[in-house]
Amino acid sequence: METKAQGVVESLYDALLRGDTAAAEATMAEDVEWWFHGPRRCQYMRRLLTGEANERDRDSFRFRPRRVTAVGGPWIVAEGWEGKHAYWVHAWAVEHGVITLFREYFNTSLTVISHGQLRGGGGASSTSAVGQMGAGGGALWRSEAPAQEGRRTLPGLLLAI
């Protein structure tokens, strides 16, 4: 099931890179719930999927995930970065073969809660796809944005979804 959900998300990114809006639209439910955290000017995905993107938007920023990971339940997380000032994380819920919920984080240092606190342990995990949490369900995921020598590092992100 997770492999199929991951394939849906990967096909969305492939369709966006090809400029195939019909194929991108086919991966999403009609009433996708959307949540964005980051600077307003960085709402590239919203502009792409709603048709608001102009030629400059399409040429200046392309979503090329560096990693797409199934993290439990319906959740698939994609992470990408371009240069030292563009870092993004997308959390997608895929149900019945379509995307039903989307959480987007762009250039944010938001940390939800420490992994150790959620698991009742003493510290954060060194793995990125942390997986299921506790009996109540949900999932936990940690980013892997690379450190950049001699420059500002990209923010880390820990999601409890």
N, C-alpha and C. Protein backbone atom coordinates (compact mmCIF):
# COMPACT_ATOMS: atom_id res chain seq x y z
N MET A 1 0.82 -1.19 0.00
CA MET A 1 0.00 0.00 0.00
C MET A 1 0.87 1.26 0.00
N GLU A 2 1.93 1.27 0.84
CA GLU A 2 2.81 2.43 0.90
C GLU A 2 3.55 2.63 -0.42
N THR A 3 3.91 1.53 -1.09
CA THR A 3 4.60 1.63 -2.37
C THR A 3 3.70 2.29 -3.41
N LYS A 4 2.42 1.94 -3.42
CA LYS A 4 1.47 2.55 -4.35
C LYS A 4 1.31 4.03 -4.04
N ALA A 5 1.18 4.38 -2.77
CA ALA A 5 1.03 5.78 -2.36
C ALA A 5 2.27 6.59 -2.75
N GLN A 6 3.44 6.01 -2.54
CA GLN A 6 4.68 6.68 -2.92
C GLN A 6 4.72 6.89 -4.43
N GLY A 7 4.26 5.92 -5.20
CA GLY A 7 4.20 6.04 -6.65
C GLY A 7 3.28 7.17 -7.10
N VAL A 8 2.17 7.37 -6.39
CA VAL A 8 1.25 8.46 -6.73
C VAL A 8 1.97 9.80 -6.57
N VAL A 9 2.68 9.97 -5.46
CA VAL A 9 3.39 11.23 -5.20
C VAL A 9 4.52 11.42 -6.22
N GLU A 10 5.28 10.37 -6.50
CA GLU A 10 6.35 10.49 -7.49
C GLU A 10 5.81 10.83 -8.87
N SER A 11 4.64 10.27 -9.22
CA SER A 11 4.05 10.59 -10.53
C SER A 11 3.58 12.04 -10.58
N LEU A 12 3.16 12.60 -9.46
CA LEU A 12 2.79 14.02 -9.42
C LEU A 12 4.00 14.89 -9.76
N TYR A 13 5.15 14.62 -9.12
CA TYR A 13 6.36 15.41 -9.40
C TYR A 13 6.81 15.23 -10.85
N ASP A 14 6.73 14.00 -11.37
CA ASP A 14 7.09 13.76 -12.77
C ASP A 14 6.20 14.57 -13.70
N ALA A 15 4.90 14.59 -13.44
CA ALA A 15 3.96 15.34 -14.27
C ALA A 15 4.26 16.84 -14.21
N LEU A 16 4.58 17.34 -13.02
CA LEU A 16 4.90 18.77 -12.89
C LEU A 16 6.16 19.13 -13.67
N LEU A 17 7.17 18.26 -13.62
CA LEU A 17 8.41 18.53 -14.36
C LEU A 17 8.18 18.52 -15.87
N ARG A 18 7.26 17.68 -16.35
CA ARG A 18 6.92 17.62 -17.77
C ARG A 18 5.98 18.75 -18.18
N GLY A 19 5.37 19.42 -17.20
CA GLY A 19 4.39 20.45 -17.51
C GLY A 19 3.03 19.88 -17.86
N ASP A 20 2.77 18.63 -17.45
CA ASP A 20 1.53 17.93 -17.76
C ASP A 20 0.52 18.16 -16.63
N THR A 21 -0.23 19.25 -16.71
CA THR A 21 -1.16 19.59 -15.63
C THR A 21 -2.30 18.59 -15.50
N ALA A 22 -2.74 18.00 -16.59
CA ALA A 22 -3.82 17.01 -16.53
C ALA A 22 -3.38 15.78 -15.73
N ALA A 23 -2.16 15.31 -15.96
CA ALA A 23 -1.64 14.16 -15.21
C ALA A 23 -1.44 14.51 -13.74
N ALA A 24 -0.97 15.73 -13.46
CA ALA A 24 -0.80 16.17 -12.07
C ALA A 24 -2.15 16.23 -11.37
N GLU A 25 -3.13 16.78 -12.04
CA GLU A 25 -4.48 16.90 -11.48
C GLU A 25 -5.09 15.53 -11.19
N ALA A 26 -4.80 14.55 -12.01
CA ALA A 26 -5.34 13.20 -11.84
C ALA A 26 -4.85 12.52 -10.57
N THR A 27 -3.74 12.98 -10.00
CA THR A 27 -3.20 12.36 -8.78
C THR A 27 -3.87 12.90 -7.52
N MET A 28 -4.69 13.95 -7.66
CA MET A 28 -5.24 14.64 -6.49
C MET A 28 -6.76 14.55 -6.42
N ALA A 29 -7.27 14.44 -5.19
CA ALA A 29 -8.71 14.50 -4.98
C ALA A 29 -9.19 15.91 -5.31
N GLU A 30 -10.47 16.05 -5.58
CA GLU A 30 -11.02 17.37 -5.93
C GLU A 30 -10.96 18.34 -4.76
N ASP A 31 -11.02 17.85 -3.55
CA ASP A 31 -11.07 18.71 -2.37
C ASP A 31 -9.85 18.52 -1.47
N VAL A 32 -8.67 18.60 -2.05
CA VAL A 32 -7.43 18.43 -1.29
C VAL A 32 -7.35 19.49 -0.19
N GLU A 33 -7.08 19.04 1.02
CA GLU A 33 -6.85 19.98 2.12
C GLU A 33 -5.39 20.42 2.04
N TRP A 34 -5.16 21.72 2.08
CA TRP A 34 -3.83 22.29 1.86
C TRP A 34 -3.41 23.13 3.04
N TRP A 35 -2.17 22.98 3.46
CA TRP A 35 -1.62 23.78 4.56
C TRP A 35 -0.20 24.18 4.18
N PHE A 36 0.12 25.47 4.30
CA PHE A 36 1.42 25.99 3.90
C PHE A 36 2.07 26.70 5.07
N HIS A 37 3.37 26.44 5.28
CA HIS A 37 4.15 27.16 6.29
C HIS A 37 5.42 27.66 5.62
N GLY A 38 5.58 28.97 5.55
CA GLY A 38 6.75 29.57 4.93
C GLY A 38 6.41 30.93 4.37
N PRO A 39 7.37 31.56 3.71
CA PRO A 39 7.13 32.88 3.12
C PRO A 39 6.10 32.80 1.99
N ARG A 40 5.17 33.75 1.95
CA ARG A 40 4.12 33.76 0.91
C ARG A 40 4.70 33.70 -0.50
N ARG A 41 5.81 34.38 -0.71
CA ARG A 41 6.40 34.42 -2.06
C ARG A 41 6.86 33.04 -2.52
N CYS A 42 6.94 32.09 -1.61
CA CYS A 42 7.44 30.75 -1.93
C CYS A 42 6.33 29.73 -2.15
N GLN A 43 5.13 30.16 -2.44
CA GLN A 43 4.02 29.23 -2.67
C GLN A 43 4.00 28.75 -4.12
N TYR A 44 5.14 28.24 -4.56
CA TYR A 44 5.29 27.76 -5.94
C TYR A 44 4.34 26.62 -6.27
N MET A 45 4.21 25.66 -5.35
CA MET A 45 3.36 24.50 -5.62
C MET A 45 1.91 24.93 -5.79
N ARG A 46 1.43 25.81 -4.93
CA ARG A 46 0.05 26.28 -5.06
C ARG A 46 -0.17 26.94 -6.42
N ARG A 47 0.76 27.79 -6.82
CA ARG A 47 0.62 28.48 -8.11
C ARG A 47 0.67 27.48 -9.27
N LEU A 48 1.51 26.46 -9.16
CA LEU A 48 1.57 25.44 -10.23
C LEU A 48 0.25 24.69 -10.35
N LEU A 49 -0.26 24.22 -9.22
CA LEU A 49 -1.44 23.36 -9.26
C LEU A 49 -2.75 24.10 -9.49
N THR A 50 -2.77 25.40 -9.22
CA THR A 50 -3.99 26.17 -9.46
C THR A 50 -3.98 26.88 -10.80
N GLY A 51 -2.86 26.77 -11.53
CA GLY A 51 -2.77 27.41 -12.82
C GLY A 51 -2.36 28.88 -12.75
N GLU A 52 -2.04 29.36 -11.56
CA GLU A 52 -1.62 30.76 -11.39
C GLU A 52 -0.17 31.00 -11.80
N ALA A 53 0.61 29.94 -11.94
CA ALA A 53 2.04 30.10 -12.25
C ALA A 53 2.20 30.70 -13.65
N ASN A 54 3.06 31.70 -13.71
CA ASN A 54 3.37 32.27 -15.02
C ASN A 54 4.65 31.61 -15.53
N GLU A 55 5.07 31.98 -16.71
CA GLU A 55 6.26 31.38 -17.32
C GLU A 55 7.49 31.56 -16.44
N ARG A 56 7.62 32.73 -15.82
CA ARG A 56 8.77 33.00 -14.95
C ARG A 56 8.78 32.05 -13.75
N ASP A 57 7.59 31.84 -13.14
CA ASP A 57 7.50 30.89 -12.01
C ASP A 57 7.95 29.50 -12.44
N ARG A 58 7.46 29.04 -13.60
CA ARG A 58 7.79 27.69 -14.06
C ARG A 58 9.27 27.54 -14.39
N ASP A 59 9.88 28.61 -14.87
CA ASP A 59 11.30 28.55 -15.22
C ASP A 59 12.21 28.76 -14.02
N SER A 60 11.76 29.53 -13.04
CA SER A 60 12.65 29.88 -11.92
C SER A 60 12.70 28.82 -10.82
N PHE A 61 11.66 28.00 -10.70
CA PHE A 61 11.68 27.01 -9.63
C PHE A 61 11.01 25.73 -10.09
N ARG A 62 11.70 24.62 -9.94
CA ARG A 62 11.14 23.31 -10.28
C ARG A 62 11.30 22.39 -9.07
N PHE A 63 10.23 21.67 -8.78
CA PHE A 63 10.28 20.73 -7.66
C PHE A 63 10.92 19.43 -8.13
N ARG A 64 12.15 19.20 -7.67
CA ARG A 64 12.87 17.96 -7.95
C ARG A 64 13.20 17.32 -6.60
N PRO A 65 12.36 16.40 -6.14
CA PRO A 65 12.62 15.81 -4.83
C PRO A 65 13.97 15.10 -4.77
N ARG A 66 14.69 15.32 -3.69
CA ARG A 66 15.93 14.59 -3.45
C ARG A 66 15.64 13.26 -2.77
N ARG A 67 14.47 13.21 -2.12
CA ARG A 67 14.09 12.02 -1.38
C ARG A 67 12.58 11.99 -1.24
N VAL A 68 11.97 10.83 -1.48
CA VAL A 68 10.55 10.61 -1.27
C VAL A 68 10.44 9.36 -0.39
N THR A 69 9.77 9.51 0.76
CA THR A 69 9.77 8.44 1.77
C THR A 69 8.36 8.17 2.28
N ALA A 70 7.97 6.90 2.35
CA ALA A 70 6.73 6.51 3.02
C ALA A 70 7.03 6.47 4.51
N VAL A 71 6.19 7.16 5.31
CA VAL A 71 6.49 7.24 6.75
C VAL A 71 5.41 6.62 7.62
N GLY A 72 4.44 5.98 7.04
CA GLY A 72 3.43 5.30 7.82
C GLY A 72 2.03 5.82 7.52
N GLY A 73 1.07 4.90 7.58
CA GLY A 73 -0.30 5.29 7.27
C GLY A 73 -0.38 5.80 5.84
N PRO A 74 -1.13 6.87 5.65
CA PRO A 74 -1.26 7.39 4.29
C PRO A 74 -0.15 8.36 3.92
N TRP A 75 0.84 8.60 4.80
CA TRP A 75 1.78 9.70 4.63
C TRP A 75 3.01 9.35 3.81
N ILE A 76 3.28 10.24 2.83
CA ILE A 76 4.49 10.20 2.02
C ILE A 76 5.14 11.58 2.16
N VAL A 77 6.43 11.61 2.44
CA VAL A 77 7.13 12.89 2.61
C VAL A 77 8.19 13.03 1.53
N ALA A 78 8.20 14.20 0.88
CA ALA A 78 9.20 14.52 -0.13
C ALA A 78 10.00 15.72 0.35
N GLU A 79 11.30 15.70 0.05
CA GLU A 79 12.19 16.76 0.50
C GLU A 79 13.09 17.16 -0.66
N GLY A 80 13.33 18.46 -0.78
CA GLY A 80 14.22 18.94 -1.83
C GLY A 80 14.85 20.27 -1.48
N TRP A 81 15.91 20.58 -2.19
CA TRP A 81 16.57 21.86 -1.99
C TRP A 81 17.28 22.25 -3.28
N GLU A 82 17.35 23.55 -3.47
CA GLU A 82 18.05 24.13 -4.62
C GLU A 82 18.88 25.28 -4.08
N GLY A 83 20.18 25.20 -4.20
CA GLY A 83 21.04 26.27 -3.70
C GLY A 83 20.97 26.38 -2.18
N LYS A 84 21.43 27.51 -1.66
CA LYS A 84 21.50 27.64 -0.21
C LYS A 84 20.28 28.31 0.40
N HIS A 85 19.35 28.78 -0.40
CA HIS A 85 18.20 29.49 0.16
C HIS A 85 16.85 28.91 -0.22
N ALA A 86 16.80 27.73 -0.76
CA ALA A 86 15.53 27.12 -1.16
C ALA A 86 15.48 25.68 -0.66
N TYR A 87 14.76 25.48 0.42
CA TYR A 87 14.62 24.16 1.02
C TYR A 87 13.13 23.92 1.25
N TRP A 88 12.63 22.77 0.85
CA TRP A 88 11.21 22.50 1.02
C TRP A 88 10.96 21.06 1.44
N VAL A 89 9.84 20.88 2.14
CA VAL A 89 9.37 19.56 2.56
C VAL A 89 7.87 19.52 2.27
N HIS A 90 7.43 18.44 1.63
CA HIS A 90 6.01 18.22 1.35
C HIS A 90 5.57 16.93 2.04
N ALA A 91 4.49 17.01 2.79
CA ALA A 91 3.89 15.82 3.40
C ALA A 91 2.54 15.61 2.71
N TRP A 92 2.40 14.46 2.07
CA TRP A 92 1.21 14.13 1.28
C TRP A 92 0.47 12.96 1.94
N ALA A 93 -0.84 13.06 2.08
CA ALA A 93 -1.65 11.92 2.51
C ALA A 93 -2.31 11.36 1.25
N VAL A 94 -2.09 10.08 1.01
CA VAL A 94 -2.65 9.41 -0.17
C VAL A 94 -3.65 8.37 0.32
N GLU A 95 -4.89 8.52 -0.12
CA GLU A 95 -5.94 7.59 0.26
C GLU A 95 -6.71 7.17 -0.99
N HIS A 96 -6.94 5.89 -1.13
CA HIS A 96 -7.68 5.34 -2.29
C HIS A 96 -7.05 5.77 -3.61
N GLY A 97 -5.72 5.86 -3.64
CA GLY A 97 -4.99 6.14 -4.87
C GLY A 97 -4.90 7.60 -5.28
N VAL A 98 -5.40 8.52 -4.44
CA VAL A 98 -5.29 9.95 -4.74
C VAL A 98 -4.82 10.72 -3.52
N ILE A 99 -4.22 11.88 -3.77
CA ILE A 99 -3.74 12.74 -2.70
C ILE A 99 -4.94 13.48 -2.11
N THR A 100 -5.09 13.38 -0.77
CA THR A 100 -6.23 14.01 -0.11
C THR A 100 -5.82 15.16 0.81
N LEU A 101 -4.57 15.18 1.22
CA LEU A 101 -4.11 16.22 2.14
C LEU A 101 -2.66 16.56 1.81
N PHE A 102 -2.33 17.84 1.92
CA PHE A 102 -1.00 18.29 1.56
C PHE A 102 -0.52 19.32 2.58
N ARG A 103 0.64 19.08 3.17
CA ARG A 103 1.28 20.04 4.07
C ARG A 103 2.61 20.44 3.45
N GLU A 104 2.80 21.74 3.27
CA GLU A 104 4.01 22.24 2.63
C GLU A 104 4.79 23.12 3.59
N TYR A 105 6.08 22.87 3.68
CA TYR A 105 6.99 23.65 4.52
C TYR A 105 8.08 24.17 3.61
N PHE A 106 8.30 25.49 3.62
CA PHE A 106 9.28 26.08 2.73
C PHE A 106 10.19 27.00 3.53
N ASN A 107 11.51 26.74 3.49
CA ASN A 107 12.51 27.55 4.20
C ASN A 107 12.10 27.83 5.63
N THR A 108 11.82 26.77 6.36
CA THR A 108 11.37 26.92 7.74
C THR A 108 12.26 26.14 8.68
N SER A 109 12.39 26.63 9.89
CA SER A 109 13.16 25.90 10.90
C SER A 109 12.21 25.36 11.97
N LEU A 110 10.96 25.22 11.63
CA LEU A 110 9.95 24.71 12.54
C LEU A 110 10.32 23.31 13.02
N THR A 111 10.25 23.10 14.32
CA THR A 111 10.43 21.78 14.89
C THR A 111 9.19 21.48 15.71
N VAL A 112 8.55 20.38 15.46
CA VAL A 112 7.29 20.08 16.12
C VAL A 112 7.52 19.63 17.55
N ILE A 113 8.30 18.61 17.75
CA ILE A 113 8.61 18.07 19.08
C ILE A 113 9.78 17.10 18.91
N SER A 114 10.54 16.88 19.95
CA SER A 114 11.68 15.98 19.79
C SER A 114 11.23 14.53 19.69
N HIS A 115 11.91 13.78 18.87
CA HIS A 115 11.61 12.36 18.65
C HIS A 115 11.66 11.59 19.96
N GLY A 116 12.64 11.88 20.80
CA GLY A 116 12.78 11.18 22.07
C GLY A 116 11.57 11.37 22.97
N GLN A 117 10.99 12.56 22.98
CA GLN A 117 9.81 12.81 23.80
C GLN A 117 8.61 12.02 23.29
N LEU A 118 8.47 11.92 21.98
CA LEU A 118 7.35 11.18 21.43
C LEU A 118 7.46 9.68 21.69
N ARG A 119 8.67 9.16 21.64
CA ARG A 119 8.88 7.73 21.84
C ARG A 119 9.12 7.38 23.31
N GLY A 120 9.22 8.40 24.17
CA GLY A 120 9.49 8.13 25.57
C GLY A 120 10.95 7.84 25.83
N GLY A 121 11.82 8.13 24.85
CA GLY A 121 13.24 7.87 25.00
C GLY A 121 13.99 9.13 25.35
N GLY A 122 15.29 9.07 25.23
CA GLY A 122 16.10 10.17 25.67
C GLY A 122 16.61 11.10 24.60
N GLY A 123 16.49 10.76 23.33
CA GLY A 123 17.07 11.65 22.33
C GLY A 123 16.52 11.42 20.95
N ALA A 124 16.99 12.23 20.04
CA ALA A 124 16.51 12.13 18.66
C ALA A 124 17.14 10.96 17.94
N SER A 125 16.42 10.42 17.02
CA SER A 125 16.92 9.31 16.21
C SER A 125 17.87 9.81 15.14
N SER A 126 18.74 8.96 14.69
CA SER A 126 19.64 9.35 13.60
C SER A 126 19.07 8.97 12.24
N THR A 127 17.90 8.35 12.23
CA THR A 127 17.29 7.98 10.95
C THR A 127 16.34 9.06 10.49
N SER A 128 16.12 9.14 9.19
CA SER A 128 15.26 10.18 8.63
C SER A 128 13.81 9.76 8.61
N ALA A 129 13.53 8.60 8.09
CA ALA A 129 12.16 8.13 8.06
C ALA A 129 11.94 7.39 9.36
N VAL A 130 11.47 8.10 10.36
CA VAL A 130 11.37 7.53 11.70
C VAL A 130 10.21 6.57 11.79
N GLY A 131 9.10 6.84 11.13
CA GLY A 131 8.01 5.89 11.06
C GLY A 131 6.90 6.10 12.06
N GLN A 132 6.17 5.02 12.36
CA GLN A 132 4.99 5.07 13.22
C GLN A 132 5.35 5.51 14.63
N MET A 133 4.44 6.28 15.27
CA MET A 133 4.64 6.64 16.66
C MET A 133 3.52 6.09 17.52
N GLY A 134 3.87 5.45 18.58
CA GLY A 134 2.95 5.04 19.62
C GLY A 134 1.69 4.34 19.16
N ALA A 135 0.81 4.07 20.12
CA ALA A 135 -0.42 3.36 19.83
C ALA A 135 -1.44 4.24 19.14
N GLY A 136 -1.31 5.56 19.25
CA GLY A 136 -2.28 6.47 18.67
C GLY A 136 -2.11 6.70 17.19
N GLY A 137 -1.13 6.05 16.55
CA GLY A 137 -0.92 6.22 15.11
C GLY A 137 -0.09 7.45 14.82
N GLY A 138 -0.21 7.95 13.61
CA GLY A 138 0.60 9.08 13.19
C GLY A 138 1.97 8.63 12.76
N ALA A 139 2.76 9.56 12.34
CA ALA A 139 4.11 9.24 11.87
C ALA A 139 5.05 10.37 12.22
N LEU A 140 6.31 10.05 12.26
CA LEU A 140 7.35 11.03 12.57
C LEU A 140 8.40 10.95 11.48
N TRP A 141 8.87 12.11 11.01
CA TRP A 141 9.83 12.17 9.92
C TRP A 141 10.81 13.29 10.20
N ARG A 142 12.10 13.08 9.86
CA ARG A 142 13.12 14.11 10.05
C ARG A 142 13.85 14.36 8.74
N SER A 143 14.13 15.64 8.45
CA SER A 143 14.75 16.03 7.19
C SER A 143 16.23 15.65 7.15
N GLU A 144 16.79 15.67 5.93
CA GLU A 144 18.20 15.38 5.72
C GLU A 144 18.89 16.45 4.89
N ALA A 145 18.45 17.70 4.99
CA ALA A 145 19.07 18.77 4.20
C ALA A 145 20.56 18.82 4.52
N PRO A 146 21.40 18.96 3.50
CA PRO A 146 22.85 18.91 3.73
C PRO A 146 23.39 20.19 4.37
N ALA A 147 24.41 20.03 5.19
CA ALA A 147 25.12 21.19 5.73
C ALA A 147 25.98 21.76 4.61
N GLN A 148 26.13 23.04 4.60
CA GLN A 148 26.92 23.67 3.54
C GLN A 148 28.13 24.34 4.17
N GLU A 149 29.29 23.89 3.79
CA GLU A 149 30.53 24.39 4.37
C GLU A 149 30.70 25.89 4.12
N GLY A 150 30.98 26.62 5.20
CA GLY A 150 31.26 28.04 5.09
C GLY A 150 30.06 28.91 4.79
N ARG A 151 28.87 28.32 4.73
CA ARG A 151 27.66 29.09 4.44
C ARG A 151 26.58 28.74 5.44
N ARG A 152 25.52 29.51 5.40
CA ARG A 152 24.38 29.25 6.26
C ARG A 152 23.85 27.85 5.96
N THR A 153 23.57 27.08 7.00
CA THR A 153 23.03 25.75 6.76
C THR A 153 21.52 25.85 6.57
N LEU A 154 20.97 24.89 5.85
CA LEU A 154 19.53 24.84 5.68
C LEU A 154 18.91 24.34 6.98
N PRO A 155 17.71 24.80 7.30
CA PRO A 155 17.09 24.39 8.56
C PRO A 155 16.70 22.93 8.57
N GLY A 156 16.73 22.34 9.74
CA GLY A 156 16.25 20.99 9.91
C GLY A 156 14.77 21.01 10.23
N LEU A 157 14.10 19.91 10.02
CA LEU A 157 12.67 19.85 10.25
C LEU A 157 12.32 18.48 10.79
N LEU A 158 11.53 18.46 11.84
CA LEU A 158 11.01 17.22 12.41
C LEU A 158 9.51 17.32 12.38
N LEU A 159 8.86 16.42 11.67
CA LEU A 159 7.40 16.46 11.52
C LEU A 159 6.74 15.32 12.27
N ALA A 160 5.72 15.66 13.04
CA ALA A 160 4.83 14.66 13.63
C ALA A 160 3.54 14.77 12.85
N ILE A 161 3.26 13.78 12.01
CA ILE A 161 2.08 13.84 11.14
C ILE A 161 1.19 12.64 11.37
